């Protein structure tokens, strides 16, 4: 009925029926026990229904704040609920099962995101927030929330652009131009010529990724397509980002797979050269992540979290695969280099390489680590560790989500395709989400298969910036308090003139961006 009234232009009735429908659906949602059931429920009832209708009606009548709030409350509530369960005031016996009382308490309180919460999040993060969504008519909705005390909100509505039928088409075309597979392997096969080298395999070894095209050939192609997408997604709001240094992007749908860092303006400047970028599934998720960090700090001050972590960093590289996957020698060098950086910075770290990097050993050391680095093979639903068989060595989403990473501040998934998964109304459901739900407020992950040697260089440089040695090289690389997305920005800018886009742009930061001081605080 709400949709019918909306299409007849009877906005008041459309809002009334959409809200009534959401209230009924919320009651049903609160009785669902398992994460996968909540995800499916939201996809079928909200993604193509009530949430889209409500935000579209509000946008049409120029109630832009209400439209943004409607958009936010339709997103990632299953993840937000999982995050709320990680807070120590709740007792968790498993990754999914909960009491009715606890879930209904969340449904009636923490689940409701209002405009004041949105404003406060933007102001506290000192970051502009860009929220992308889809209008019911198929156009793209964009909101910019300025990272100032006033938290000014700027709404925009733009078309898909000439030549693009959908967001999926836009993203697949962009990635194909860069020489990397689209998230949907079937779409790759439809778009590529018969002689294409990409066959949409589930995982590709880190060292066997890229084409033999020259950098000059690639740059000419990349800039044309990347400028085209920039005009659609960034141009309409760019003037509203003046004086901003950090931007948090809240994608929607297939935009999770778009390399925003590599989009190019008319002057040939990459977006990453203008802003330090981070990503999140919703503003509400950022609220929950910050709440969890605040509670951890309070518990530590009250000495309720136990003694400080014996191991600051858990570092894994080149697990031994017993020939069921290729070995990654550069990932071992990467792990050794990061271990050396931690040692020079005065941080205790545990190094697990080759046969010592078994699933059991890695899971054990991760539980109390502040920083976790996994350099290995990966996929959208798991990380491959040492084992006699793939089944024995694979650390799955479900196993990660059952962990309680009570001290984790950052997880780096230095592997292929780790920022990949099923696109749901809850966000991107894959291994990255599992680590967020398990307790890490920050995850660094990859959009596509990565090169073994180049990733070694990139990660070593990233840690050199984040953890400069007490003496010697790296001492002047950054000021005290540098955050992760700014460090990643610095590495990409340094690499862009030497490497092609697909080599320097695969990694992104998901969640909150911790400053160096927070690593010290949680140790």
Protein backbone atom coordinates (compact mmCIF):
# COMPACT_ATOMS: atom_id res chain seq x y z
CA UNK A 1 0.00 0.00 0.00
CA UNK A 2 2.82 2.37 0.83
CA UNK A 3 4.36 1.80 -2.59
CA UNK A 4 1.00 2.35 -4.30
CA UNK A 5 0.44 5.63 -2.48
CA UNK A 6 4.03 6.69 -3.26
CA UNK A 7 3.53 6.11 -6.98
CA UNK A 8 0.27 8.06 -6.91
CA UNK A 9 2.06 10.99 -5.29
CA UNK A 10 0.10 10.64 -2.02
CA UNK A 11 3.17 11.19 0.15
CA UNK A 12 1.54 11.42 3.60
CA UNK A 13 -0.20 8.09 3.10
CA UNK A 14 2.97 6.52 1.69
CA UNK A 15 4.96 7.58 4.77
CA UNK A 16 2.26 6.33 7.14
CA UNK A 17 2.03 2.87 5.57
CA UNK A 18 5.80 2.52 5.18
CA UNK A 19 6.30 3.33 8.88
CA UNK A 20 3.52 0.96 9.93
CA UNK A 21 5.07 -1.79 7.83
CA UNK A 22 8.52 -1.21 9.33
CA UNK A 23 7.07 -1.39 12.86
CA UNK A 24 5.53 -4.79 12.12
CA UNK A 25 8.70 -6.06 10.46
CA UNK A 26 10.81 -4.86 13.40
CA UNK A 27 8.73 -6.97 15.77
CA UNK A 28 9.26 -10.04 13.59
CA UNK A 29 12.99 -9.28 13.28
CA UNK A 30 13.41 -9.14 17.05
CA UNK A 31 12.30 -12.77 17.30
CA UNK A 32 14.89 -14.11 14.85
CA UNK A 33 17.67 -16.06 16.54
CA UNK A 34 20.45 -16.37 13.98
CA UNK A 35 22.56 -13.94 12.00
CA UNK A 36 21.86 -15.55 8.62
CA UNK A 37 18.11 -15.43 9.24
CA UNK A 38 18.24 -11.74 10.17
CA UNK A 39 20.28 -11.01 7.04
CA UNK A 40 17.82 -12.82 4.78
CA UNK A 41 14.85 -11.18 6.48
CA UNK A 42 16.28 -7.68 5.98
CA UNK A 43 17.17 -8.37 2.35
CA UNK A 44 13.69 -9.55 1.46
CA UNK A 45 11.65 -7.02 3.45
CA UNK A 46 13.71 -3.82 3.51
CA UNK A 47 16.23 -3.77 0.64
CA UNK A 48 13.53 -3.73 -2.02
CA UNK A 49 10.72 -2.41 0.14
CA UNK A 50 9.96 -0.24 3.10
CA UNK A 51 13.32 1.42 3.70
CA UNK A 52 13.75 2.42 0.05
CA UNK A 53 10.17 3.74 -0.15
CA UNK A 54 10.47 5.79 3.03
CA UNK A 55 13.80 7.42 2.12
CA UNK A 56 12.53 8.11 -1.43
CA UNK A 57 9.32 9.81 -0.24
CA UNK A 58 11.19 11.95 2.27
CA UNK A 59 13.72 12.93 -0.40
CA UNK A 60 10.98 13.89 -2.86
CA UNK A 61 9.32 16.22 -0.35
CA UNK A 62 12.74 17.70 0.54
CA UNK A 63 12.81 16.30 4.09
CA UNK A 64 16.44 15.38 3.54
CA UNK A 65 17.34 14.72 7.16
CA UNK A 66 14.44 12.31 7.54
CA UNK A 67 15.47 10.64 4.27
CA UNK A 68 18.99 10.07 5.60
CA UNK A 69 17.69 8.73 8.91
CA UNK A 70 15.37 6.34 7.05
CA UNK A 71 18.30 5.19 4.93
CA UNK A 72 20.48 4.61 8.01
CA UNK A 73 17.88 2.66 9.96
CA UNK A 74 17.42 0.27 7.05
CA UNK A 75 21.14 -0.63 6.98
CA UNK A 76 23.40 -3.12 8.73
CA UNK A 77 21.25 -3.65 11.80
CA UNK A 78 22.26 -7.29 12.12
CA UNK A 79 25.91 -6.25 12.23
CA UNK A 80 25.08 -3.47 14.69
CA UNK A 81 23.36 -6.01 16.89
CA UNK A 82 26.40 -8.31 16.74
CA UNK A 83 28.61 -5.37 17.70
CA UNK A 84 26.39 -4.52 20.65
CA UNK A 85 26.78 -8.12 21.83
CA UNK A 86 30.56 -7.71 21.87
CA UNK A 87 30.26 -5.05 24.52
CA UNK A 88 31.11 -6.51 27.88
CA UNK A 89 27.75 -5.80 29.48
CA UNK A 90 26.44 -8.80 27.51
CA UNK A 91 27.39 -12.43 28.02
CA UNK A 92 27.83 -14.25 24.71
CA UNK A 93 27.78 -18.02 24.56
CA UNK A 94 28.06 -18.25 20.77
CA UNK A 95 28.15 -16.18 17.58
CA UNK A 96 24.43 -16.26 16.87
CA UNK A 97 22.14 -17.56 19.60
CA UNK A 98 20.84 -14.93 22.07
CA UNK A 99 18.00 -14.41 24.49
CA UNK A 100 14.81 -12.71 23.32
CA UNK A 101 15.23 -10.10 26.02
CA UNK A 102 18.65 -8.95 24.80
CA UNK A 103 17.67 -8.71 21.14
CA UNK A 104 14.42 -6.87 21.88
CA UNK A 105 16.35 -4.44 24.07
CA UNK A 106 18.57 -3.64 21.10
CA UNK A 107 15.57 -3.42 18.78
CA UNK A 108 13.92 -0.78 20.97
CA UNK A 109 17.01 1.34 21.68
CA UNK A 110 20.39 0.89 19.99
CA UNK A 111 18.76 0.06 16.68
CA UNK A 112 17.25 3.55 16.32
CA UNK A 113 19.62 5.99 14.64
CA UNK A 114 18.52 9.64 14.79
CA UNK A 115 19.96 12.74 13.18
CA UNK A 116 21.68 13.90 16.36
CA UNK A 117 23.66 10.65 16.44
CA UNK A 118 24.64 11.17 12.81
CA UNK A 119 25.81 14.73 13.54
CA UNK A 120 27.80 13.67 16.61
CA UNK A 121 29.51 10.85 14.73
CA UNK A 122 30.65 13.17 11.95
CA UNK A 123 31.87 15.79 14.42
CA UNK A 124 33.75 13.34 16.67
CA UNK A 125 35.40 11.57 13.77
CA UNK A 126 36.59 14.88 12.29
CA UNK A 127 35.75 13.31 8.97
CA UNK A 128 33.25 14.18 6.29
CA UNK A 129 30.87 11.29 5.71
CA UNK A 130 29.51 10.45 2.26
CA UNK A 131 26.45 8.17 2.23
CA UNK A 132 25.38 6.54 -1.03
CA UNK A 133 22.00 4.95 -1.62
CA UNK A 134 19.49 4.27 -4.39
CA UNK A 135 16.25 6.15 -4.93
CA UNK A 136 13.19 4.09 -5.79
CA UNK A 137 13.38 5.44 -9.34
CA UNK A 138 16.89 4.02 -9.82
CA UNK A 139 18.88 7.26 -9.43
CA UNK A 140 21.76 7.54 -6.96
CA UNK A 141 21.18 9.42 -3.70
CA UNK A 142 24.19 11.04 -2.02
CA UNK A 143 24.38 12.77 1.35
CA UNK A 144 27.43 14.62 2.62
CA UNK A 145 27.68 15.21 6.37
CA UNK A 146 30.43 17.71 7.05
CA UNK A 147 32.90 16.84 9.77
CA UNK A 148 32.33 20.10 11.66
CA UNK A 149 30.41 20.97 14.80
CA UNK A 150 27.47 22.14 12.71
CA UNK A 151 27.50 18.83 10.82
CA UNK A 152 25.97 20.40 7.74
CA UNK A 153 24.08 17.93 5.54
CA UNK A 154 24.13 18.23 1.75
CA UNK A 155 21.79 16.00 -0.31
CA UNK A 156 22.24 15.20 -4.00
CA UNK A 157 20.40 13.03 -6.54
CA UNK A 158 22.23 12.00 -9.71
CA UNK A 159 21.58 9.76 -12.67
CA UNK A 160 23.57 6.62 -13.44
CA UNK A 161 25.44 8.26 -16.29
CA UNK A 162 25.54 7.59 -20.00
CA UNK A 163 26.44 4.02 -20.88
CA UNK A 164 25.77 2.51 -17.45
CA UNK A 165 22.59 0.54 -16.87
CA UNK A 166 23.13 -0.03 -13.15
CA UNK A 167 25.66 0.22 -10.32
CA UNK A 168 26.73 -3.33 -11.11
CA UNK A 169 27.49 -2.31 -14.69
CA UNK A 170 29.39 0.80 -13.55
CA UNK A 171 31.58 -1.14 -11.13
CA UNK A 172 32.23 -4.09 -13.47
CA UNK A 173 33.22 -1.75 -16.30
CA UNK A 174 35.62 0.17 -14.06
CA UNK A 175 37.30 -2.95 -12.70
CA UNK A 176 37.59 -4.49 -16.15
CA UNK A 177 39.39 -1.35 -17.34
CA UNK A 178 41.85 -1.68 -14.47
CA UNK A 179 42.52 -5.29 -15.41
CA UNK A 180 40.93 -6.84 -12.33
CA UNK A 181 37.94 -9.13 -12.12
CA UNK A 182 34.51 -7.89 -11.17
CA UNK A 183 33.14 -9.37 -7.93
CA UNK A 184 30.62 -11.29 -10.04
CA UNK A 185 32.70 -13.76 -12.06
CA UNK A 186 29.75 -14.50 -14.32
CA UNK A 187 29.52 -10.84 -15.30
CA UNK A 188 33.22 -10.91 -16.15
CA UNK A 189 32.63 -13.71 -18.60
CA UNK A 190 29.77 -11.80 -20.20
CA UNK A 191 31.83 -8.61 -20.61
CA UNK A 192 35.18 -10.08 -21.66
CA UNK A 193 36.28 -11.19 -25.09
CA UNK A 194 37.04 -14.84 -25.66
CA UNK A 195 40.79 -14.21 -25.40
CA UNK A 196 40.50 -12.65 -21.93
CA UNK A 197 42.91 -14.01 -19.37
CA UNK A 198 40.42 -13.72 -16.50
CA UNK A 199 38.21 -16.73 -15.93
CA UNK A 200 36.65 -15.69 -12.63
CA UNK A 201 38.42 -18.20 -10.39
CA UNK A 202 37.52 -18.02 -6.73
CA UNK A 203 41.06 -17.24 -5.53
CA UNK A 204 44.25 -16.32 -7.34
CA UNK A 205 47.74 -16.68 -5.85
CA UNK A 206 49.16 -13.35 -4.72
CA UNK A 207 52.11 -13.69 -7.11
CA UNK A 208 50.11 -14.51 -10.26
CA UNK A 209 47.75 -11.63 -10.71
CA UNK A 210 48.45 -8.98 -13.24
CA UNK A 211 48.55 -8.51 -17.00
CA UNK A 212 51.73 -7.95 -19.00
CA UNK A 213 50.50 -4.62 -20.36
CA UNK A 214 52.87 -1.72 -19.92
CA UNK A 215 52.11 0.95 -17.34
CA UNK A 216 51.72 3.61 -20.06
CA UNK A 217 49.06 1.63 -21.89
CA UNK A 218 47.14 0.98 -18.70
CA UNK A 219 47.28 4.58 -17.48
CA UNK A 220 45.76 5.93 -20.67
CA UNK A 221 42.81 3.51 -20.40
CA UNK A 222 42.39 3.85 -16.64
CA UNK A 223 42.18 7.63 -16.54
CA UNK A 224 39.41 7.85 -19.12
CA UNK A 225 37.14 5.41 -17.31
CA UNK A 226 38.07 6.57 -13.81
CA UNK A 227 37.30 10.18 -14.75
CA UNK A 228 33.91 9.08 -16.06
CA UNK A 229 32.97 7.45 -12.77
CA UNK A 230 34.40 10.38 -10.79
CA UNK A 231 31.99 12.72 -12.60
CA UNK A 232 29.02 10.61 -11.48
CA UNK A 233 29.94 9.91 -7.85
CA UNK A 234 32.28 12.70 -6.70
CA UNK A 235 31.79 15.76 -8.93
CA UNK A 236 28.28 16.55 -7.63
CA UNK A 237 29.55 16.84 -4.04
CA UNK A 238 33.20 17.86 -4.43
CA UNK A 239 32.66 21.55 -3.63
CA UNK A 240 31.05 20.46 -0.35
CA UNK A 241 34.26 18.64 0.66
CA UNK A 242 36.40 21.77 0.61
CA UNK A 243 38.85 21.93 3.54
CA UNK A 244 38.17 18.30 4.46
CA UNK A 245 41.19 16.03 4.90
CA UNK A 246 39.45 12.77 5.80
CA UNK A 247 36.37 11.21 4.23
CA UNK A 248 34.40 8.18 5.36
CA UNK A 249 32.49 6.51 2.52
CA UNK A 250 29.29 4.57 3.25
CA UNK A 251 28.74 2.59 0.01
CA UNK A 252 25.61 0.89 -1.20
CA UNK A 253 25.25 -2.35 -3.13
CA UNK A 254 27.88 -2.88 -5.81
CA UNK A 255 29.73 0.29 -4.80
CA UNK A 256 31.43 -1.85 -2.13
CA UNK A 257 33.57 -3.23 -4.98
CA UNK A 258 34.52 0.12 -6.51
CA UNK A 259 38.10 1.42 -5.98
CA UNK A 260 37.16 4.92 -4.81
CA UNK A 261 40.81 5.71 -4.05
CA UNK A 262 41.65 5.46 -7.75
CA UNK A 263 38.90 7.70 -9.15
CA UNK A 264 40.37 10.62 -11.08
CA UNK A 265 39.25 14.24 -11.54
CA UNK A 266 39.54 16.27 -14.75
CA UNK A 267 43.02 17.42 -13.78
CA UNK A 268 44.33 13.86 -13.44
CA UNK A 269 44.37 13.89 -9.62
CA UNK A 270 43.37 10.72 -7.79
CA UNK A 271 40.80 10.93 -5.00
CA UNK A 272 43.32 9.42 -2.56
CA UNK A 273 45.59 12.43 -3.20
CA UNK A 274 42.85 14.70 -1.87
CA UNK A 275 41.50 12.74 1.08
CA UNK A 276 42.43 9.95 3.46
CA UNK A 277 39.60 7.47 2.85
CA UNK A 278 37.94 4.96 5.11
CA UNK A 279 34.81 2.86 4.56
CA UNK A 280 31.95 1.53 6.70
CA UNK A 281 28.58 -0.16 6.10
CA UNK A 282 26.61 2.52 7.95
CA UNK A 283 26.94 5.44 10.33
CA UNK A 284 25.17 3.31 12.92
CA UNK A 285 28.02 0.80 12.68
CA UNK A 286 30.52 3.56 13.45
CA UNK A 287 28.42 4.51 16.49
CA UNK A 288 28.52 0.93 17.80
CA UNK A 289 32.25 0.57 17.12
CA UNK A 290 33.01 3.77 19.02
CA UNK A 291 30.77 2.66 21.89
CA UNK A 292 32.69 -0.59 22.10
CA UNK A 293 36.05 1.19 22.15
CA UNK A 294 34.83 3.56 24.87
CA UNK A 295 33.64 0.65 26.99
CA UNK A 296 36.90 -1.23 26.54
CA UNK A 297 38.81 1.83 27.71
CA UNK A 298 36.54 2.17 30.76
CA UNK A 299 36.97 -1.51 31.63
CA UNK A 300 40.73 -1.23 31.29
CA UNK A 301 40.76 1.78 33.60
CA UNK A 302 38.77 -0.27 36.12
CA UNK A 303 41.16 -3.24 35.67
CA UNK A 304 38.27 -5.45 34.56
CA UNK A 305 39.85 -6.53 31.30
CA UNK A 306 42.65 -8.42 32.99
CA UNK A 307 46.40 -7.78 32.63
CA UNK A 308 47.84 -6.10 29.54
CA UNK A 309 48.33 -8.27 26.49
CA UNK A 310 51.56 -10.27 26.59
CA UNK A 311 51.67 -10.11 22.78
CA UNK A 312 50.99 -6.76 21.15
CA UNK A 313 51.03 -8.08 17.57
CA UNK A 314 50.17 -11.46 16.07
CA UNK A 315 52.01 -11.70 12.72
CA UNK A 316 51.38 -14.55 10.28
CA UNK A 317 53.16 -15.15 6.97
CA UNK A 318 53.46 -17.86 4.33
CA UNK A 319 51.58 -20.71 6.04
CA UNK A 320 52.70 -24.15 4.85
CA UNK A 321 50.08 -25.54 2.45
CA UNK A 322 51.42 -29.05 1.76
CA UNK A 323 51.07 -28.40 -1.99
CA UNK A 324 47.27 -27.84 -1.97
CA UNK A 325 48.08 -24.15 -2.58
CA UNK A 326 51.22 -22.40 -3.80
CA UNK A 327 53.60 -21.04 -1.17
CA UNK A 328 54.01 -17.26 -0.84
CA UNK A 329 57.69 -16.52 -0.15
CA UNK A 330 57.18 -12.75 -0.18
CA UNK A 331 54.48 -13.02 2.48
CA UNK A 332 57.10 -14.64 4.73
CA UNK A 333 59.52 -11.77 4.07
CA UNK A 334 56.64 -9.38 4.75
CA UNK A 335 55.91 -11.01 8.12
CA UNK A 336 59.59 -10.98 9.10
CA UNK A 337 59.92 -7.31 8.15
CA UNK A 338 56.83 -6.31 10.18
CA UNK A 339 58.13 -8.32 13.14
CA UNK A 340 61.41 -6.38 12.91
CA UNK A 341 59.52 -3.07 12.74
CA UNK A 342 57.58 -3.99 15.89
CA UNK A 343 60.77 -4.98 17.69
CA UNK A 344 62.48 -1.69 16.83
CA UNK A 345 59.36 0.18 17.96
CA UNK A 346 59.48 -1.63 21.32
CA UNK A 347 56.39 -3.80 20.68
CA UNK A 348 56.20 -7.44 21.67
CA UNK A 349 55.07 -9.57 18.74
CA UNK A 350 54.50 -13.24 18.01
CA UNK A 351 55.67 -14.43 14.58
CA UNK A 352 53.97 -17.46 13.03
CA UNK A 353 55.37 -18.59 9.67
CA UNK A 354 55.28 -21.77 7.57
CA UNK A 355 54.24 -24.80 9.63
CA UNK A 356 53.85 -22.83 12.87
CA UNK A 357 51.00 -20.85 11.25
CA UNK A 358 48.37 -23.53 11.87
CA UNK A 359 44.76 -22.56 12.39
CA UNK A 360 44.84 -23.62 16.03
CA UNK A 361 48.01 -21.65 16.79
CA UNK A 362 46.84 -18.53 14.96
CA UNK A 363 43.43 -18.51 16.63
CA UNK A 364 45.08 -18.85 20.04
CA UNK A 365 47.49 -15.94 19.60
CA UNK A 366 44.86 -13.67 18.00
CA UNK A 367 42.61 -13.76 21.07
CA UNK A 368 44.79 -11.42 23.12
CA UNK A 369 46.61 -9.48 20.42
CA UNK A 370 46.08 -5.74 19.86
CA UNK A 371 47.21 -5.88 16.24
CA UNK A 372 46.75 -8.89 13.92
CA UNK A 373 48.47 -9.27 10.54
CA UNK A 374 47.63 -12.21 8.27
CA UNK A 375 49.77 -12.52 5.11
CA UNK A 376 48.50 -15.57 3.30
CA UNK A 377 46.10 -16.76 0.65
CA UNK A 378 42.55 -15.56 1.19
CA UNK A 379 39.05 -15.51 -0.23
CA UNK A 380 35.79 -13.76 0.45
CA UNK A 381 34.81 -16.26 3.14
CA UNK A 382 38.09 -17.29 4.73
CA UNK A 383 41.83 -17.10 5.32
CA UNK A 384 44.02 -20.07 4.39
CA UNK A 385 46.46 -21.15 7.09
CA UNK A 386 48.81 -24.11 7.46
CA UNK A 387 47.22 -27.55 7.23
CA UNK A 388 47.48 -30.91 5.52
CA UNK A 389 44.33 -30.13 3.53
CA UNK A 390 42.38 -27.03 2.55
CA UNK A 391 39.62 -28.02 4.95
CA UNK A 392 42.08 -28.26 7.81
CA UNK A 393 43.81 -24.97 7.00
CA UNK A 394 40.89 -22.71 6.16
CA UNK A 395 39.86 -20.23 8.86
CA UNK A 396 36.23 -19.63 7.97
CA UNK A 397 33.90 -16.70 8.52
CA UNK A 398 31.94 -18.71 11.08
CA UNK A 399 35.09 -19.57 13.07
CA UNK A 400 36.25 -15.95 13.07
CA UNK A 401 32.86 -14.68 14.18
CA UNK A 402 32.93 -17.07 17.16
CA UNK A 403 36.20 -15.57 18.39
CA UNK A 404 36.23 -12.90 21.06
CA UNK A 405 39.01 -10.53 20.01
CA UNK A 406 38.80 -8.60 23.25
CA UNK A 407 41.89 -6.44 22.70
CA UNK A 408 42.08 -6.26 18.91
CA UNK A 409 42.39 -2.75 17.52
CA UNK A 410 43.30 -3.59 13.94
CA UNK A 411 43.33 -6.64 11.67
CA UNK A 412 45.21 -6.56 8.36
CA UNK A 413 44.14 -9.18 5.83
CA UNK A 414 47.14 -9.11 3.50
CA UNK A 415 45.67 -11.58 1.04
CA UNK A 416 43.57 -11.76 -2.13
CA UNK A 417 39.89 -10.82 -2.28
CA UNK A 418 39.42 -10.24 1.46
CA UNK A 419 37.10 -7.27 0.88
CA UNK A 420 34.70 -9.40 -1.07
CA UNK A 421 31.50 -11.19 -0.19
CA UNK A 422 27.76 -11.23 -0.63
CA UNK A 423 26.32 -7.72 -1.00
CA UNK A 424 23.40 -7.48 1.42
CA UNK A 425 21.42 -4.67 3.04
CA UNK A 426 23.69 -5.35 6.04
CA UNK A 427 26.73 -4.41 3.95
CA UNK A 428 29.36 -6.73 2.54
CA UNK A 429 29.00 -10.13 4.22
CA UNK A 430 32.37 -11.84 4.07
CA UNK A 431 35.55 -12.42 6.05
CA UNK A 432 36.01 -8.68 6.73
CA UNK A 433 32.61 -8.43 8.41
CA UNK A 434 33.41 -11.52 10.49
CA UNK A 435 36.53 -9.86 11.98
CA UNK A 436 34.54 -6.68 12.73
CA UNK A 437 31.85 -8.74 14.47
CA UNK A 438 34.49 -10.71 16.40
CA UNK A 439 35.88 -7.58 18.01
CA UNK A 440 38.23 -5.61 15.74
CA UNK A 441 36.96 -2.08 15.01
CA UNK A 442 39.37 -1.74 12.09
CA UNK A 443 40.13 -4.11 9.20
CA UNK A 444 42.43 -3.51 6.24
CA UNK A 445 41.41 -5.71 3.30
CA UNK A 446 41.81 -6.13 -0.46
CA UNK A 447 39.35 -5.47 -3.27
CA UNK A 448 40.96 -7.93 -5.70
CA UNK A 449 43.85 -10.42 -6.09
CA UNK A 450 47.14 -8.80 -5.12
CA UNK A 451 50.76 -9.22 -6.19
CA UNK A 452 52.96 -11.02 -3.67
CA UNK A 453 56.08 -8.86 -3.98
CA UNK A 454 54.27 -5.51 -4.28
CA UNK A 455 52.08 -6.34 -1.27
CA UNK A 456 55.22 -7.07 0.74
CA UNK A 457 56.54 -3.61 -0.06
CA UNK A 458 53.20 -1.91 0.59
CA UNK A 459 52.63 -3.53 3.98
CA UNK A 460 56.18 -3.03 5.17
CA UNK A 461 55.90 0.65 4.34
CA UNK A 462 52.50 0.93 6.05
CA UNK A 463 53.84 -0.47 9.31
CA UNK A 464 56.97 1.66 9.06
CA UNK A 465 54.72 4.73 9.09
CA UNK A 466 52.43 3.48 11.87
CA UNK A 467 55.23 2.24 14.13
CA UNK A 468 58.39 4.29 13.53
CA UNK A 469 61.45 2.92 15.25
CA UNK A 470 62.79 4.57 18.35
CA UNK A 471 66.03 5.19 16.48
CA UNK A 472 67.05 5.10 12.86
CA UNK A 473 65.07 5.00 9.67
CA UNK A 474 61.38 5.69 9.94
CA UNK A 475 61.73 8.01 12.93
CA UNK A 476 60.45 11.04 11.01
CA UNK A 477 57.87 9.25 8.86
CA UNK A 478 54.87 10.53 10.77
CA UNK A 479 53.77 12.71 13.62
CA UNK A 480 52.55 11.12 16.85
CA UNK A 481 48.94 10.06 16.55
CA UNK A 482 48.84 9.19 12.85
CA UNK A 483 45.73 7.22 11.94
CA UNK A 484 45.58 4.12 9.76
CA UNK A 485 43.70 5.60 6.80
CA UNK A 486 46.16 8.52 6.65
CA UNK A 487 49.09 6.10 6.71
CA UNK A 488 47.51 4.05 3.92
CA UNK A 489 46.95 7.26 1.97
CA UNK A 490 50.63 8.14 2.30
CA UNK A 491 51.72 4.72 1.02
CA UNK A 492 49.42 4.88 -2.01
CA UNK A 493 50.57 8.38 -2.96
CA UNK A 494 54.19 7.25 -2.73
CA UNK A 495 53.49 4.23 -4.94
CA UNK A 496 51.27 5.75 -7.62
CA UNK A 497 54.09 7.02 -9.84
CA UNK A 498 55.96 3.70 -9.83
CA UNK A 499 53.12 1.21 -10.02
CA UNK A 500 49.92 0.79 -12.02
CA UNK A 501 46.56 1.48 -10.38
CA UNK A 502 45.65 -2.15 -9.77
CA UNK A 503 48.96 -2.58 -7.94
CA UNK A 504 48.74 0.37 -5.54
CA UNK A 505 44.94 0.66 -5.07
CA UNK A 506 43.65 -2.76 -3.92
CA UNK A 507 43.62 -2.17 -0.16
CA UNK A 508 41.18 -0.13 1.90
CA UNK A 509 40.42 0.49 5.54
CA UNK A 510 37.03 -0.66 6.85
CA UNK A 511 35.58 0.51 10.16
CA UNK A 512 37.08 3.12 12.48
CA UNK A 513 40.54 4.51 11.80
CA UNK A 514 42.61 4.14 14.99
CA UNK A 515 45.33 6.61 15.85
CA UNK A 516 48.70 5.39 17.01
CA UNK A 517 47.89 6.48 20.56
CA UNK A 518 44.99 4.01 20.70
CA UNK A 519 47.36 1.12 19.99
CA UNK A 520 49.36 2.13 23.04
CA UNK A 521 46.23 2.53 25.16
CA UNK A 522 45.01 -0.99 24.45
CA UNK A 523 48.34 -2.63 25.16
